[in-house]
Amino acid sequence: MKIKPLADRVLVKQTAAETKTAGGLYIPETAQEKTQQAEVVAVGPGTEKEKITVKVGDKVLYDKYSGTAIKMDGEDYLILKISDVIAIVE
């Protein structure tokens, strides 16, 4: 199955949450905070008002409670509006 976002939407795949602290302690899965970093998998064409400013492969930060979660081929993805993308991580 293939998903092509429409208008000003971006399809992203969340990156894995940190499982170990800087000091070397392991964080149990139940205590891990949901990551707000993801990799762009597909982008829509944009609109006249909202231009797409990211490309496939970019690592981005997004608003904590934004997007629509979907599951495709056993993988979890989010469909975000481009306005929910906060920054590109370089």
PDB file of N, CA and C in Angstrom:
ATOM      1  N   MET A   1       0.846  -1.164   0.000  1.00  0.00           N
ATOM      2  CA  MET A   1       0.000   0.000   0.000  1.00  0.00           C
ATOM      3  C   MET A   1       0.899   1.238   0.000  1.00  0.00           C
ATOM      4  N   LYS A   2       0.472   2.275  -0.699  1.00  0.00           N
ATOM      5  CA  LYS A   2       1.234   3.516  -0.775  1.00  0.00           C
ATOM      6  C   LYS A   2       0.304   4.669  -0.442  1.00  0.00           C
ATOM      7  N   ILE A   3       0.785   5.616   0.361  1.00  0.00           N
ATOM      8  CA  ILE A   3      -0.020   6.770   0.751  1.00  0.00           C
ATOM      9  C   ILE A   3       0.599   8.023   0.167  1.00  0.00           C
ATOM     10  N   LYS A   4      -0.204   8.830  -0.507  1.00  0.00           N
ATOM     11  CA  LYS A   4       0.236  10.100  -1.076  1.00  0.00           C
ATOM     12  C   LYS A   4      -0.554  11.207  -0.378  1.00  0.00           C
ATOM     13  N   PRO A   5       0.107  12.013   0.472  1.00  0.00           N
ATOM     14  CA  PRO A   5      -0.596  13.102   1.153  1.00  0.00           C
ATOM     15  C   PRO A   5      -1.150  14.125   0.160  1.00  0.00           C
ATOM     16  N   LEU A   6      -2.263  14.733   0.510  1.00  0.00           N
ATOM     17  CA  LEU A   6      -2.886  15.749  -0.324  1.00  0.00           C
ATOM     18  C   LEU A   6      -2.648  17.134   0.256  1.00  0.00           C
ATOM     19  N   ALA A   7      -2.765  18.139  -0.582  1.00  0.00           N
ATOM     20  CA  ALA A   7      -2.680  19.556  -0.205  1.00  0.00           C
ATOM     21  C   ALA A   7      -1.443  19.840   0.643  1.00  0.00           C
ATOM     22  N   ASP A   8      -1.652  20.381   1.848  1.00  0.00           N
ATOM     23  CA  ASP A   8      -0.523  20.802   2.694  1.00  0.00           C
ATOM     24  C   ASP A   8      -0.206  19.768   3.768  1.00  0.00           C
ATOM     25  N   ARG A   9      -0.337  18.488   3.437  1.00  0.00           N
ATOM     26  CA  ARG A   9      -0.096  17.415   4.396  1.00  0.00           C
ATOM     27  C   ARG A   9       1.268  16.761   4.161  1.00  0.00           C
ATOM     28  N   VAL A  10       1.823  16.192   5.240  1.00  0.00           N
ATOM     29  CA  VAL A  10       3.118  15.518   5.211  1.00  0.00           C
ATOM     30  C   VAL A  10       2.967  14.186   5.944  1.00  0.00           C
ATOM     31  N   LEU A  11       3.464  13.098   5.354  1.00  0.00           N
ATOM     32  CA  LEU A  11       3.453  11.787   5.994  1.00  0.00           C
ATOM     33  C   LEU A  11       4.815  11.579   6.640  1.00  0.00           C
ATOM     34  N   VAL A  12       4.811  11.281   7.956  1.00  0.00           N
ATOM     35  CA  VAL A  12       6.065  11.098   8.683  1.00  0.00           C
ATOM     36  C   VAL A  12       6.040   9.790   9.454  1.00  0.00           C
ATOM     37  N   LYS A  13       7.241   9.279   9.733  1.00  0.00           N
ATOM     38  CA  LYS A  13       7.392   8.093  10.572  1.00  0.00           C
ATOM     39  C   LYS A  13       8.171   8.519  11.802  1.00  0.00           C
ATOM     40  N   GLN A  14       7.605   8.272  12.974  1.00  0.00           N
ATOM     41  CA  GLN A  14       8.249   8.668  14.220  1.00  0.00           C
ATOM     42  C   GLN A  14       9.552   7.924  14.425  1.00  0.00           C
ATOM     43  N   THR A  15      10.536   8.635  14.968  1.00  0.00           N
ATOM     44  CA  THR A  15      11.797   7.994  15.320  1.00  0.00           C
ATOM     45  C   THR A  15      11.634   7.345  16.687  1.00  0.00           C
ATOM     46  N   ALA A  16      12.462   6.391  16.986  1.00  0.00           N
ATOM     47  CA  ALA A  16      12.375   5.660  18.252  1.00  0.00           C
ATOM     48  C   ALA A  16      12.691   6.575  19.430  1.00  0.00           C
ATOM     49  N   ALA A  17      11.984   6.372  20.523  1.00  0.00           N
ATOM     50  CA  ALA A  17      12.218   7.139  21.750  1.00  0.00           C
ATOM     51  C   ALA A  17      13.514   6.688  22.404  1.00  0.00           C
ATOM     52  N   GLU A  18      14.105   7.578  23.176  1.00  0.00           N
ATOM     53  CA  GLU A  18      15.343   7.242  23.896  1.00  0.00           C
ATOM     54  C   GLU A  18      15.054   6.164  24.938  1.00  0.00           C
ATOM     55  N   THR A  19      15.898   5.149  24.979  1.00  0.00           N
ATOM     56  CA  THR A  19      15.701   4.073  25.945  1.00  0.00           C
ATOM     57  C   THR A  19      16.724   4.119  27.070  1.00  0.00           C
ATOM     58  N   LYS A  20      17.678   5.072  26.954  1.00  0.00           N
ATOM     59  CA  LYS A  20      18.721   5.174  27.968  1.00  0.00           C
ATOM     60  C   LYS A  20      19.019   6.648  28.226  1.00  0.00           C
ATOM     61  N   THR A  21      19.218   7.007  29.497  1.00  0.00           N
ATOM     62  CA  THR A  21      19.548   8.384  29.851  1.00  0.00           C
ATOM     63  C   THR A  21      21.019   8.661  29.548  1.00  0.00           C
ATOM     64  N   ALA A  22      21.393   9.934  29.620  1.00  0.00           N
ATOM     65  CA  ALA A  22      22.786  10.322  29.382  1.00  0.00           C
ATOM     66  C   ALA A  22      23.714   9.667  30.407  1.00  0.00           C
ATOM     67  N   GLY A  23      23.190   9.400  31.601  1.00  0.00           N
ATOM     68  CA  GLY A  23      23.989   8.767  32.653  1.00  0.00           C
ATOM     69  C   GLY A  23      24.065   7.254  32.536  1.00  0.00           C
ATOM     70  N   GLY A  24      23.350   6.669  31.551  1.00  0.00           N
ATOM     71  CA  GLY A  24      23.431   5.236  31.331  1.00  0.00           C
ATOM     72  C   GLY A  24      22.292   4.429  31.930  1.00  0.00           C
ATOM     73  N   LEU A  25      21.315   5.076  32.549  1.00  0.00           N
ATOM     74  CA  LEU A  25      20.167   4.361  33.115  1.00  0.00           C
ATOM     75  C   LEU A  25      19.169   4.023  32.017  1.00  0.00           C
ATOM     76  N   TYR A  26      18.601   2.824  32.073  1.00  0.00           N
ATOM     77  CA  TYR A  26      17.599   2.419  31.100  1.00  0.00           C
ATOM     78  C   TYR A  26      16.221   2.917  31.528  1.00  0.00           C
ATOM     79  N   ILE A  27      15.465   3.431  30.556  1.00  0.00           N
ATOM     80  CA  ILE A  27      14.116   3.940  30.809  1.00  0.00           C
ATOM     81  C   ILE A  27      13.122   2.864  30.386  1.00  0.00           C
ATOM     82  N   PRO A  28      12.254   2.408  31.299  1.00  0.00           N
ATOM     83  CA  PRO A  28      11.271   1.395  30.905  1.00  0.00           C
ATOM     84  C   PRO A  28      10.292   1.961  29.881  1.00  0.00           C
ATOM     85  N   GLU A  29       9.755   1.089  29.048  1.00  0.00           N
ATOM     86  CA  GLU A  29       8.858   1.515  27.981  1.00  0.00           C
ATOM     87  C   GLU A  29       7.665   2.301  28.506  1.00  0.00           C
ATOM     88  N   THR A  30       7.161   1.950  29.684  1.00  0.00           N
ATOM     89  CA  THR A  30       6.000   2.633  30.247  1.00  0.00           C
ATOM     90  C   THR A  30       6.319   4.063  30.678  1.00  0.00           C
ATOM     91  N   ALA A  31       7.583   4.374  30.912  1.00  0.00           N
ATOM     92  CA  ALA A  31       7.976   5.708  31.354  1.00  0.00           C
ATOM     93  C   ALA A  31       8.511   6.574  30.216  1.00  0.00           C
ATOM     94  N   GLN A  32       8.655   6.000  29.044  1.00  0.00           N
ATOM     95  CA  GLN A  32       9.198   6.759  27.922  1.00  0.00           C
ATOM     96  C   GLN A  32       8.163   7.749  27.409  1.00  0.00           C
ATOM     97  N   GLU A  33       8.624   8.956  27.149  1.00  0.00           N
ATOM     98  CA  GLU A  33       7.745   9.983  26.610  1.00  0.00           C
ATOM     99  C   GLU A  33       7.677   9.835  25.094  1.00  0.00           C
ATOM    100  N   LYS A  34       6.504  10.091  24.542  1.00  0.00           N
ATOM    101  CA  LYS A  34       6.322  10.000  23.102  1.00  0.00           C
ATOM    102  C   LYS A  34       7.236  11.012  22.412  1.00  0.00           C
ATOM    103  N   THR A  35       8.006  10.551  21.442  1.00  0.00           N
ATOM    104  CA  THR A  35       8.916  11.440  20.745  1.00  0.00           C
ATOM    105  C   THR A  35       8.162  12.390  19.825  1.00  0.00           C
ATOM    106  N   GLN A  36       8.739  13.547  19.613  1.00  0.00           N
ATOM    107  CA  GLN A  36       8.138  14.522  18.713  1.00  0.00           C
ATOM    108  C   GLN A  36       9.067  14.775  17.538  1.00  0.00           C
ATOM    109  N   GLN A  37       9.892  13.780  17.248  1.00  0.00           N
ATOM    110  CA  GLN A  37      10.802  13.856  16.119  1.00  0.00           C
ATOM    111  C   GLN A  37      10.432  12.754  15.152  1.00  0.00           C
ATOM    112  N   ALA A  38      10.473  13.058  13.857  1.00  0.00           N
ATOM    113  CA  ALA A  38      10.075  12.076  12.852  1.00  0.00           C
ATOM    114  C   ALA A  38      10.845  12.318  11.559  1.00  0.00           C
ATOM    115  N   GLU A  39      10.777  11.317  10.687  1.00  0.00           N
ATOM    116  CA  GLU A  39      11.385  11.438   9.371  1.00  0.00           C
ATOM    117  C   GLU A  39      10.279  11.546   8.327  1.00  0.00           C
ATOM    118  N   VAL A  40      10.425  12.483   7.400  1.00  0.00           N
ATOM    119  CA  VAL A  40       9.430  12.708   6.353  1.00  0.00           C
ATOM    120  C   VAL A  40       9.500  11.556   5.351  1.00  0.00           C
ATOM    121  N   VAL A  41       8.341  10.929   5.101  1.00  0.00           N
ATOM    122  CA  VAL A  41       8.251   9.792   4.192  1.00  0.00           C
ATOM    123  C   VAL A  41       7.652  10.221   2.849  1.00  0.00           C
ATOM    124  N   ALA A  42       6.671  11.141   2.877  1.00  0.00           N
ATOM    125  CA  ALA A  42       6.026  11.632   1.658  1.00  0.00           C
ATOM    126  C   ALA A  42       5.458  13.020   1.932  1.00  0.00           C
ATOM    127  N   VAL A  43       5.340  13.817   0.886  1.00  0.00           N
ATOM    128  CA  VAL A  43       4.790  15.166   1.028  1.00  0.00           C
ATOM    129  C   VAL A  43       3.716  15.411  -0.023  1.00  0.00           C
ATOM    130  N   GLY A  44       2.762  16.264   0.337  1.00  0.00           N
ATOM    131  CA  GLY A  44       1.737  16.676  -0.610  1.00  0.00           C
ATOM    132  C   GLY A  44       2.259  17.802  -1.495  1.00  0.00           C
ATOM    133  N   PRO A  45       1.473  18.234  -2.460  1.00  0.00           N
ATOM    134  CA  PRO A  45       1.913  19.272  -3.384  1.00  0.00           C
ATOM    135  C   PRO A  45       1.883  20.682  -2.801  1.00  0.00           C
ATOM    136  N   GLY A  46       1.217  20.875  -1.665  1.00  0.00           N
ATOM    137  CA  GLY A  46       1.081  22.206  -1.083  1.00  0.00           C
ATOM    138  C   GLY A  46      -0.130  22.931  -1.660  1.00  0.00           C
ATOM    139  N   THR A  47      -0.381  24.113  -1.146  1.00  0.00           N
ATOM    140  CA  THR A  47      -1.470  24.952  -1.636  1.00  0.00           C
ATOM    141  C   THR A  47      -0.920  26.340  -1.903  1.00  0.00           C
ATOM    142  N   GLU A  48      -1.761  27.229  -2.414  1.00  0.00           N
ATOM    143  CA  GLU A  48      -1.312  28.603  -2.646  1.00  0.00           C
ATOM    144  C   GLU A  48      -0.959  29.291  -1.340  1.00  0.00           C
ATOM    145  N   LYS A  49      -1.699  28.995  -0.272  1.00  0.00           N
ATOM    146  CA  LYS A  49      -1.446  29.622   1.027  1.00  0.00           C
ATOM    147  C   LYS A  49      -0.353  28.923   1.816  1.00  0.00           C
ATOM    148  N   GLU A  50      -0.265  27.604   1.716  1.00  0.00           N
ATOM    149  CA  GLU A  50       0.703  26.807   2.491  1.00  0.00           C
ATOM    150  C   GLU A  50       1.652  26.078   1.546  1.00  0.00           C
ATOM    151  N   LYS A  51       2.871  26.558   1.432  1.00  0.00           N
ATOM    152  CA  LYS A  51       3.891  25.909   0.610  1.00  0.00           C
ATOM    153  C   LYS A  51       4.568  24.808   1.429  1.00  0.00           C
ATOM    154  N   ILE A  52       4.941  23.728   0.786  1.00  0.00           N
ATOM    155  CA  ILE A  52       5.646  22.632   1.450  1.00  0.00           C
ATOM    156  C   ILE A  52       7.126  23.014   1.547  1.00  0.00           C
ATOM    157  N   THR A  53       7.644  23.052   2.771  1.00  0.00           N
ATOM    158  CA  THR A  53       9.020  23.500   3.006  1.00  0.00           C
ATOM    159  C   THR A  53       9.936  22.365   3.462  1.00  0.00           C
ATOM    160  N   VAL A  54       9.445  21.132   3.416  1.00  0.00           N
ATOM    161  CA  VAL A  54      10.266  19.969   3.776  1.00  0.00           C
ATOM    162  C   VAL A  54      10.290  19.017   2.590  1.00  0.00           C
ATOM    163  N   LYS A  55      11.259  18.097   2.608  1.00  0.00           N
ATOM    164  CA  LYS A  55      11.338  17.109   1.536  1.00  0.00           C
ATOM    165  C   LYS A  55      11.484  15.717   2.150  1.00  0.00           C
ATOM    166  N   VAL A  56      11.265  14.707   1.363  1.00  0.00           N
ATOM    167  CA  VAL A  56      11.387  13.319   1.819  1.00  0.00           C
ATOM    168  C   VAL A  56      12.802  13.101   2.353  1.00  0.00           C
ATOM    169  N   GLY A  57      12.872  12.484   3.544  1.00  0.00           N
ATOM    170  CA  GLY A  57      14.157  12.206   4.171  1.00  0.00           C
ATOM    171  C   GLY A  57      14.542  13.199   5.252  1.00  0.00           C
ATOM    172  N   ASP A  58      13.885  14.383   5.269  1.00  0.00           N
ATOM    173  CA  ASP A  58      14.171  15.373   6.322  1.00  0.00           C
ATOM    174  C   ASP A  58      13.742  14.838   7.675  1.00  0.00           C
ATOM    175  N   LYS A  59      14.499  15.166   8.707  1.00  0.00           N
ATOM    176  CA  LYS A  59      14.108  14.868  10.085  1.00  0.00           C
ATOM    177  C   LYS A  59      13.487  16.152  10.632  1.00  0.00           C
ATOM    178  N   VAL A  60      12.295  16.037  11.199  1.00  0.00           N
ATOM    179  CA  VAL A  60      11.548  17.217  11.645  1.00  0.00           C
ATOM    180  C   VAL A  60      11.064  17.061  13.086  1.00  0.00           C
ATOM    181  N   LEU A  61      10.777  18.193  13.710  1.00  0.00           N
ATOM    182  CA  LEU A  61      10.095  18.251  14.999  1.00  0.00           C
ATOM    183  C   LEU A  61       8.684  18.750  14.739  1.00  0.00           C
ATOM    184  N   TYR A  62       7.714  18.221  15.501  1.00  0.00           N
ATOM    185  CA  TYR A  62       6.328  18.627  15.283  1.00  0.00           C
ATOM    186  C   TYR A  62       5.628  18.839  16.625  1.00  0.00           C
ATOM    187  N   ASP A  63       4.475  19.532  16.580  1.00  0.00           N
ATOM    188  CA  ASP A  63       3.684  19.783  17.782  1.00  0.00           C
ATOM    189  C   ASP A  63       3.274  18.464  18.427  1.00  0.00           C
ATOM    190  N   LYS A  64       3.254  18.444  19.757  1.00  0.00           N
ATOM    191  CA  LYS A  64       3.041  17.213  20.530  1.00  0.00           C
ATOM    192  C   LYS A  64       1.730  16.494  20.220  1.00  0.00           C
ATOM    193  N   TYR A  65       0.632  17.193  20.134  1.00  0.00           N
ATOM    194  CA  TYR A  65      -0.671  16.543  19.963  1.00  0.00           C
ATOM    195  C   TYR A  65      -1.233  16.708  18.555  1.00  0.00           C
ATOM    196  N   SER A  66      -0.390  16.865  17.578  1.00  0.00           N
ATOM    197  CA  SER A  66      -0.855  17.100  16.214  1.00  0.00           C
ATOM    198  C   SER A  66      -0.859  15.820  15.396  1.00  0.00           C
ATOM    199  N   GLY A  67      -1.537  15.880  14.287  1.00  0.00           N
ATOM    200  CA  GLY A  67      -1.508  14.796  13.320  1.00  0.00           C
ATOM    201  C   GLY A  67      -2.551  13.728  13.521  1.00  0.00           C
ATOM    202  N   THR A  68      -2.664  12.889  12.503  1.00  0.00           N
ATOM    203  CA  THR A  68      -3.564  11.746  12.507  1.00  0.00           C
ATOM    204  C   THR A  68      -2.714  10.491  12.404  1.00  0.00           C
ATOM    205  N   ALA A  69      -2.823   9.635  13.403  1.00  0.00           N
ATOM    206  CA  ALA A  69      -2.028   8.402  13.429  1.00  0.00           C
ATOM    207  C   ALA A  69      -2.662   7.363  12.513  1.00  0.00           C
ATOM    208  N   ILE A  70      -1.830   6.697  11.720  1.00  0.00           N
ATOM    209  CA  ILE A  70      -2.298   5.613  10.864  1.00  0.00           C
ATOM    210  C   ILE A  70      -1.312   4.451  10.965  1.00  0.00           C
ATOM    211  N   LYS A  71      -1.767   3.269  10.614  1.00  0.00           N
ATOM    212  CA  LYS A  71      -0.915   2.080  10.604  1.00  0.00           C
ATOM    213  C   LYS A  71      -0.969   1.512   9.192  1.00  0.00           C
ATOM    214  N   MET A  72       0.215   1.269   8.613  1.00  0.00           N
ATOM    215  CA  MET A  72       0.292   0.745   7.259  1.00  0.00           C
ATOM    216  C   MET A  72       1.396  -0.299   7.220  1.00  0.00           C
ATOM    217  N   ASP A  73       1.078  -1.484   6.764  1.00  0.00           N
ATOM    218  CA  ASP A  73       2.041  -2.583   6.670  1.00  0.00           C
ATOM    219  C   ASP A  73       2.754  -2.839   8.000  1.00  0.00           C
ATOM    220  N   GLY A  74       2.025  -2.718   9.107  1.00  0.00           N
ATOM    221  CA  GLY A  74       2.581  -2.975  10.430  1.00  0.00           C
ATOM    222  C   GLY A  74       3.422  -1.849  11.002  1.00  0.00           C
ATOM    223  N   GLU A  75       3.533  -0.739  10.313  1.00  0.00           N
ATOM    224  CA  GLU A  75       4.324   0.415  10.765  1.00  0.00           C
ATOM    225  C   GLU A  75       3.380   1.553  11.141  1.00  0.00           C
ATOM    226  N   ASP A  76       3.774   2.345  12.150  1.00  0.00           N
ATOM    227  CA  ASP A  76       2.983   3.501  12.581  1.00  0.00           C
ATOM    228  C   ASP A  76       3.487   4.766  11.903  1.00  0.00           C
ATOM    229  N   TYR A  77       2.551   5.557  11.387  1.00  0.00           N
ATOM    230  CA  TYR A  77       2.858   6.811  10.722  1.00  0.00           C
ATOM    231  C   TYR A  77       1.938   7.904  11.238  1.00  0.00           C
ATOM    232  N   LEU A  78       2.284   9.150  10.947  1.00  0.00           N
ATOM    233  CA  LEU A  78       1.443  10.300  11.247  1.00  0.00           C
ATOM    234  C   LEU A  78       1.267  11.114   9.981  1.00  0.00           C
ATOM    235  N   ILE A  79       0.067  11.635   9.775  1.00  0.00           N
ATOM    236  CA  ILE A  79      -0.168  12.599   8.708  1.00  0.00           C
ATOM    237  C   ILE A  79      -0.322  13.950   9.392  1.00  0.00           C
ATOM    238  N   LEU A  80       0.587  14.866   9.083  1.00  0.00           N
ATOM    239  CA  LEU A  80       0.612  16.193   9.700  1.00  0.00           C
ATOM    240  C   LEU A  80       0.297  17.270   8.683  1.00  0.00           C
ATOM    241  N   LYS A  81      -0.257  18.381   9.144  1.00  0.00           N
ATOM    242  CA  LYS A  81      -0.320  19.586   8.319  1.00  0.00           C
ATOM    243  C   LYS A  81       1.072  20.210   8.355  1.00  0.00           C
ATOM    244  N   ILE A  82       1.465  20.856   7.300  1.00  0.00           N
ATOM    245  CA  ILE A  82       2.791  21.477   7.271  1.00  0.00           C
ATOM    246  C   ILE A  82       2.921  22.533   8.367  1.00  0.00           C
ATOM    247  N   SER A  83       1.822  23.135   8.774  1.00  0.00           N
ATOM    248  CA  SER A  83       1.867  24.146   9.836  1.00  0.00           C
ATOM    249  C   SER A  83       2.160  23.530  11.206  1.00  0.00           C
ATOM    250  N   ASP A  84       1.986  22.206  11.350  1.00  0.00           N
ATOM    251  CA  ASP A  84       2.304  21.522  12.606  1.00  0.00           C
ATOM    252  C   ASP A  84       3.787  21.166  12.724  1.00  0.00           C
ATOM    253  N   VAL A  85       4.519  21.272  11.603  1.00  0.00           N
ATOM    254  CA  VAL A  85       5.955  21.007  11.620  1.00  0.00           C
ATOM    255  C   VAL A  85       6.644  22.245  12.174  1.00  0.00           C
ATOM    256  N   ILE A  86       7.413  22.060  13.258  1.00  0.00           N
ATOM    257  CA  ILE A  86       8.051  23.175  13.951  1.00  0.00           C
ATOM    258  C   ILE A  86       9.423  23.509  13.380  1.00  0.00           C
ATOM    259  N   ALA A  87      10.213  22.451  13.072  1.00  0.00           N
ATOM    260  CA  ALA A  87      11.590  22.690  12.650  1.00  0.00           C
ATOM    261  C   ALA A  87      12.127  21.479  11.895  1.00  0.00           C
ATOM    262  N   ILE A  88      13.178  21.721  11.120  1.00  0.00           N
ATOM    263  CA  ILE A  88      13.938  20.667  10.471  1.00  0.00           C
ATOM    264  C   ILE A  88      15.187  20.444  11.307  1.00  0.00           C
ATOM    265  N   VAL A  89      15.488  19.193  11.643  1.00  0.00           N
ATOM    266  CA  VAL A  89      16.672  18.865  12.442  1.00  0.00           C
ATOM    267  C   VAL A  89      17.810  18.546  11.483  1.00  0.00           C
ATOM    268  N   GLU A  90      18.907  19.269  11.621  1.00  0.00           N
ATOM    269  CA  GLU A  90      20.064  19.047  10.738  1.00  0.00           C
ATOM    270  C   GLU A  90      21.187  18.362  11.465  1.00  0.00           C
TER     271      GLU A  90
END
